[in-house]
């Protein structure tokens, strides 16, 4: 099955502590059905000092489940994703507007 959310997509968070926020997908993890989104689901990581890295508390993105994300259309509103075949090429289409999704 083709993935509806891909790396580089602009997405809207539908549920959780960051509900309503938008961000860009940095990585999709299909085996866990999760994605890393820039600036979303931030967690604090305590890092021990190593030879190559200093100690400290760092903030980084944690994976968020794909069911809590929706692709943003051109207006920035969440939309469902459909597929359309034109001239033998399969493209992703926004269900709300019918516009083609870039990415």
N, C-alpha and C. Protein backbone atom coordinates (compact mmCIF):
# COMPACT_ATOMS: atom_id res chain seq x y z
N UNK A 1 0.84 -1.19 0.00
CA UNK A 1 0.00 0.00 0.00
C UNK A 1 0.88 1.24 0.00
N UNK A 2 0.53 2.19 -0.82
CA UNK A 2 1.29 3.43 -0.89
C UNK A 2 0.98 4.29 0.33
N UNK A 3 2.01 4.96 0.84
CA UNK A 3 1.83 5.78 2.04
C UNK A 3 1.16 7.10 1.68
N UNK A 4 0.23 7.53 2.52
CA UNK A 4 -0.46 8.78 2.28
C UNK A 4 0.36 9.97 2.77
N UNK A 5 1.21 9.75 3.77
CA UNK A 5 2.08 10.81 4.29
C UNK A 5 3.52 10.46 3.94
N UNK A 6 4.22 11.41 3.34
CA UNK A 6 5.60 11.18 2.91
C UNK A 6 6.53 12.24 3.48
N UNK A 7 7.82 11.96 3.43
CA UNK A 7 8.85 12.90 3.89
C UNK A 7 8.72 14.20 3.09
N UNK A 8 8.76 15.33 3.80
CA UNK A 8 8.67 16.63 3.15
C UNK A 8 7.27 17.21 3.13
N UNK A 9 6.25 16.41 3.46
CA UNK A 9 4.87 16.91 3.48
C UNK A 9 4.66 17.88 4.63
N UNK A 10 3.79 18.85 4.43
CA UNK A 10 3.37 19.73 5.51
C UNK A 10 2.14 19.09 6.14
N UNK A 11 2.20 18.82 7.44
CA UNK A 11 1.11 18.11 8.11
C UNK A 11 0.56 18.92 9.28
N UNK A 12 -0.69 18.61 9.66
CA UNK A 12 -1.37 19.20 10.80
C UNK A 12 -1.58 18.10 11.83
N UNK A 13 -1.32 18.42 13.11
CA UNK A 13 -1.52 17.45 14.18
C UNK A 13 -2.99 17.48 14.59
N UNK A 14 -3.62 16.28 14.60
CA UNK A 14 -5.05 16.18 14.89
C UNK A 14 -5.33 15.89 16.36
N UNK A 15 -4.38 15.27 17.07
CA UNK A 15 -4.62 14.88 18.46
C UNK A 15 -3.32 14.92 19.24
N UNK A 16 -3.44 15.09 20.56
CA UNK A 16 -2.26 15.09 21.42
C UNK A 16 -1.94 16.48 21.93
N UNK A 17 -0.78 16.59 22.59
CA UNK A 17 -0.42 17.86 23.22
C UNK A 17 -0.13 18.97 22.22
N UNK A 18 0.18 18.62 20.97
CA UNK A 18 0.48 19.61 19.92
C UNK A 18 -0.67 19.77 18.93
N UNK A 19 -1.90 19.45 19.35
CA UNK A 19 -3.06 19.52 18.45
C UNK A 19 -3.18 20.90 17.81
N UNK A 20 -3.37 20.92 16.48
CA UNK A 20 -3.54 22.17 15.75
C UNK A 20 -2.26 22.72 15.17
N UNK A 21 -1.10 22.26 15.64
CA UNK A 21 0.17 22.76 15.13
C UNK A 21 0.49 22.12 13.78
N UNK A 22 1.30 22.83 12.99
CA UNK A 22 1.72 22.29 11.71
C UNK A 22 3.24 22.16 11.68
N UNK A 23 3.71 21.26 10.86
CA UNK A 23 5.15 21.05 10.73
C UNK A 23 5.44 20.22 9.50
N UNK A 24 6.72 20.10 9.19
CA UNK A 24 7.15 19.35 8.03
C UNK A 24 7.66 17.98 8.46
N UNK A 25 7.30 16.94 7.71
CA UNK A 25 7.70 15.58 8.03
C UNK A 25 9.19 15.42 7.72
N UNK A 26 9.97 15.01 8.74
CA UNK A 26 11.41 14.80 8.57
C UNK A 26 11.70 13.36 8.19
N UNK A 27 10.91 12.42 8.73
CA UNK A 27 11.14 11.00 8.48
C UNK A 27 9.86 10.24 8.74
N UNK A 28 9.59 9.23 7.91
CA UNK A 28 8.45 8.34 8.13
C UNK A 28 9.00 6.97 8.49
N UNK A 29 8.43 6.37 9.55
CA UNK A 29 8.86 5.04 10.01
C UNK A 29 7.69 4.09 9.76
N UNK A 30 7.63 3.46 8.57
CA UNK A 30 6.46 2.65 8.21
C UNK A 30 6.28 1.39 9.07
N UNK A 31 7.38 0.82 9.58
CA UNK A 31 7.26 -0.39 10.40
C UNK A 31 6.53 -0.12 11.70
N UNK A 32 6.65 1.10 12.22
CA UNK A 32 5.99 1.49 13.47
C UNK A 32 4.76 2.35 13.22
N UNK A 33 4.45 2.65 11.95
CA UNK A 33 3.39 3.58 11.53
C UNK A 33 3.49 4.90 12.29
N UNK A 34 4.70 5.45 12.32
CA UNK A 34 4.96 6.73 12.98
C UNK A 34 5.77 7.64 12.07
N UNK A 35 5.85 8.91 12.44
CA UNK A 35 6.62 9.88 11.69
C UNK A 35 7.27 10.89 12.63
N UNK A 36 8.41 11.43 12.21
CA UNK A 36 9.05 12.53 12.92
C UNK A 36 8.65 13.81 12.22
N UNK A 37 8.12 14.76 13.00
CA UNK A 37 7.67 16.03 12.43
C UNK A 37 8.45 17.16 13.10
N UNK A 38 8.95 18.08 12.28
CA UNK A 38 9.77 19.18 12.77
C UNK A 38 8.99 20.05 13.76
N UNK A 39 9.53 20.18 14.99
CA UNK A 39 8.94 21.05 16.00
C UNK A 39 7.71 20.48 16.70
N UNK A 40 7.38 19.21 16.44
CA UNK A 40 6.19 18.59 17.02
C UNK A 40 6.60 17.44 17.94
N UNK A 41 5.89 17.25 19.06
CA UNK A 41 6.13 16.17 20.02
C UNK A 41 7.56 16.23 20.55
N UNK A 42 7.96 17.41 21.03
CA UNK A 42 9.32 17.60 21.53
C UNK A 42 9.48 16.96 22.90
N UNK A 43 10.59 16.26 23.09
CA UNK A 43 10.91 15.64 24.37
C UNK A 43 12.30 16.09 24.80
N UNK A 44 12.56 16.02 26.12
CA UNK A 44 13.86 16.40 26.66
C UNK A 44 14.66 15.13 26.89
N UNK A 45 15.89 15.10 26.36
CA UNK A 45 16.75 13.93 26.45
C UNK A 45 17.97 14.26 27.28
N UNK A 46 18.19 13.50 28.36
CA UNK A 46 19.37 13.68 29.18
C UNK A 46 20.50 12.88 28.56
N UNK A 47 21.60 13.56 28.23
CA UNK A 47 22.71 12.93 27.51
C UNK A 47 23.94 12.86 28.40
N UNK A 48 24.50 11.66 28.54
CA UNK A 48 25.75 11.48 29.27
C UNK A 48 26.90 11.95 28.41
N UNK A 49 27.97 12.40 29.03
CA UNK A 49 29.13 12.86 28.27
C UNK A 49 29.88 11.66 27.68
N UNK A 50 30.26 11.80 26.41
CA UNK A 50 31.09 10.80 25.74
C UNK A 50 32.29 11.50 25.16
N UNK A 51 33.16 10.75 24.53
CA UNK A 51 34.36 11.33 23.93
C UNK A 51 34.01 12.32 22.82
N UNK A 52 32.89 12.07 22.13
CA UNK A 52 32.53 12.93 21.00
C UNK A 52 31.42 13.93 21.30
N UNK A 53 30.77 13.80 22.46
CA UNK A 53 29.61 14.66 22.75
C UNK A 53 29.63 15.13 24.20
N UNK A 54 29.23 16.38 24.40
CA UNK A 54 29.14 16.94 25.75
C UNK A 54 27.88 16.45 26.45
N UNK A 55 27.90 16.54 27.78
CA UNK A 55 26.73 16.18 28.57
C UNK A 55 25.73 17.33 28.56
N UNK A 56 24.48 17.03 28.83
CA UNK A 56 23.48 18.08 28.91
C UNK A 56 22.09 17.54 28.66
N UNK A 57 21.13 18.44 28.66
CA UNK A 57 19.74 18.10 28.38
C UNK A 57 19.39 18.70 27.04
N UNK A 58 19.01 17.84 26.09
CA UNK A 58 18.73 18.28 24.73
C UNK A 58 17.25 18.08 24.42
N UNK A 59 16.72 18.94 23.57
CA UNK A 59 15.33 18.82 23.12
C UNK A 59 15.34 18.28 21.70
N UNK A 60 14.54 17.22 21.48
CA UNK A 60 14.46 16.65 20.13
C UNK A 60 13.06 16.14 19.87
N UNK A 61 12.76 15.88 18.60
CA UNK A 61 11.44 15.40 18.21
C UNK A 61 11.33 13.90 18.49
N UNK A 62 10.17 13.49 18.98
CA UNK A 62 9.87 12.07 19.16
C UNK A 62 8.86 11.68 18.08
N UNK A 63 8.84 10.41 17.69
CA UNK A 63 7.87 9.98 16.67
C UNK A 63 6.43 10.14 17.14
N UNK A 64 5.55 10.47 16.20
CA UNK A 64 4.12 10.62 16.48
C UNK A 64 3.37 9.69 15.52
N UNK A 65 2.30 9.09 15.99
CA UNK A 65 1.57 8.11 15.18
C UNK A 65 0.92 8.78 13.98
N UNK A 66 0.92 8.06 12.84
CA UNK A 66 0.38 8.62 11.60
C UNK A 66 -1.11 8.93 11.69
N UNK A 67 -1.83 8.22 12.57
CA UNK A 67 -3.27 8.47 12.70
C UNK A 67 -3.55 9.83 13.33
N UNK A 68 -2.56 10.41 13.99
CA UNK A 68 -2.72 11.72 14.60
C UNK A 68 -2.26 12.86 13.69
N UNK A 69 -1.93 12.54 12.44
CA UNK A 69 -1.46 13.53 11.47
C UNK A 69 -2.38 13.55 10.26
N UNK A 70 -2.51 14.72 9.65
CA UNK A 70 -3.23 14.86 8.39
C UNK A 70 -2.44 15.81 7.50
N UNK A 71 -2.41 15.53 6.22
CA UNK A 71 -1.72 16.39 5.27
C UNK A 71 -2.45 17.72 5.19
N UNK A 72 -1.69 18.81 5.16
CA UNK A 72 -2.28 20.15 5.04
C UNK A 72 -2.46 20.49 3.56
N UNK A 73 -3.62 21.04 3.22
CA UNK A 73 -3.83 21.47 1.83
C UNK A 73 -3.19 22.85 1.62
N UNK A 74 -3.44 23.45 0.46
CA UNK A 74 -2.80 24.74 0.14
C UNK A 74 -3.19 25.84 1.12
N UNK A 75 -4.39 25.73 1.73
CA UNK A 75 -4.85 26.73 2.69
C UNK A 75 -4.33 26.46 4.10
N UNK A 76 -3.66 25.30 4.28
CA UNK A 76 -3.12 24.96 5.59
C UNK A 76 -4.09 24.18 6.46
N UNK A 77 -5.23 23.77 5.90
CA UNK A 77 -6.22 23.01 6.66
C UNK A 77 -5.99 21.52 6.45
N UNK A 78 -6.31 20.69 7.47
CA UNK A 78 -6.12 19.24 7.32
C UNK A 78 -7.06 18.65 6.28
N UNK A 79 -6.56 17.72 5.50
CA UNK A 79 -7.37 17.06 4.49
C UNK A 79 -6.98 15.59 4.39
N UNK A 80 -7.92 14.78 3.94
CA UNK A 80 -7.60 13.38 3.69
C UNK A 80 -6.93 13.27 2.32
N UNK A 81 -6.26 12.16 2.10
CA UNK A 81 -5.49 11.98 0.87
C UNK A 81 -6.10 10.86 0.05
N UNK A 82 -6.28 11.13 -1.24
CA UNK A 82 -6.75 10.11 -2.17
C UNK A 82 -5.72 9.94 -3.28
N UNK A 83 -5.92 8.93 -4.09
CA UNK A 83 -5.00 8.67 -5.20
C UNK A 83 -5.76 8.76 -6.50
N UNK A 84 -5.08 9.27 -7.53
CA UNK A 84 -5.69 9.43 -8.85
C UNK A 84 -4.67 8.99 -9.89
N UNK A 85 -5.13 8.28 -10.90
CA UNK A 85 -4.22 7.84 -11.96
C UNK A 85 -4.54 8.64 -13.22
N UNK A 86 -3.57 9.43 -13.67
CA UNK A 86 -3.71 10.23 -14.89
C UNK A 86 -2.57 9.87 -15.82
N UNK A 87 -2.88 9.48 -17.02
CA UNK A 87 -1.89 9.12 -18.04
C UNK A 87 -0.90 8.07 -17.51
N UNK A 88 -1.40 7.13 -16.72
CA UNK A 88 -0.55 6.06 -16.20
C UNK A 88 0.33 6.45 -15.04
N UNK A 89 0.14 7.68 -14.49
CA UNK A 89 0.94 8.14 -13.36
C UNK A 89 0.03 8.30 -12.14
N UNK A 90 0.41 7.65 -11.04
CA UNK A 90 -0.38 7.71 -9.81
C UNK A 90 0.04 8.94 -9.02
N UNK A 91 -0.93 9.79 -8.67
CA UNK A 91 -0.63 11.00 -7.91
C UNK A 91 -1.52 11.07 -6.67
N UNK A 92 -1.03 11.78 -5.65
CA UNK A 92 -1.82 11.99 -4.43
C UNK A 92 -2.67 13.24 -4.62
N UNK A 93 -3.92 13.17 -4.15
CA UNK A 93 -4.87 14.27 -4.33
C UNK A 93 -5.53 14.58 -3.00
N UNK A 94 -5.72 15.88 -2.71
CA UNK A 94 -6.43 16.31 -1.50
C UNK A 94 -7.91 16.05 -1.71
N UNK A 95 -8.54 15.34 -0.76
CA UNK A 95 -9.97 15.01 -0.89
C UNK A 95 -10.86 16.24 -0.78
N UNK A 96 -10.46 17.22 0.04
CA UNK A 96 -11.31 18.39 0.28
C UNK A 96 -11.38 19.32 -0.94
N UNK A 97 -10.25 19.52 -1.61
CA UNK A 97 -10.21 20.47 -2.73
C UNK A 97 -10.04 19.82 -4.09
N UNK A 98 -9.49 18.60 -4.10
CA UNK A 98 -9.21 17.94 -5.38
C UNK A 98 -7.88 18.34 -5.99
N UNK A 99 -7.13 19.18 -5.28
CA UNK A 99 -5.83 19.63 -5.78
C UNK A 99 -4.79 18.53 -5.61
N UNK A 100 -3.79 18.53 -6.48
CA UNK A 100 -2.70 17.57 -6.40
C UNK A 100 -1.78 17.98 -5.25
N UNK A 101 -1.29 16.98 -4.49
CA UNK A 101 -0.39 17.24 -3.38
C UNK A 101 1.04 17.13 -3.88
N UNK A 102 1.81 18.18 -3.67
CA UNK A 102 3.22 18.17 -4.08
C UNK A 102 4.03 17.39 -3.07
N UNK A 103 5.13 16.80 -3.54
CA UNK A 103 6.00 16.13 -2.59
C UNK A 103 6.39 14.82 -2.98
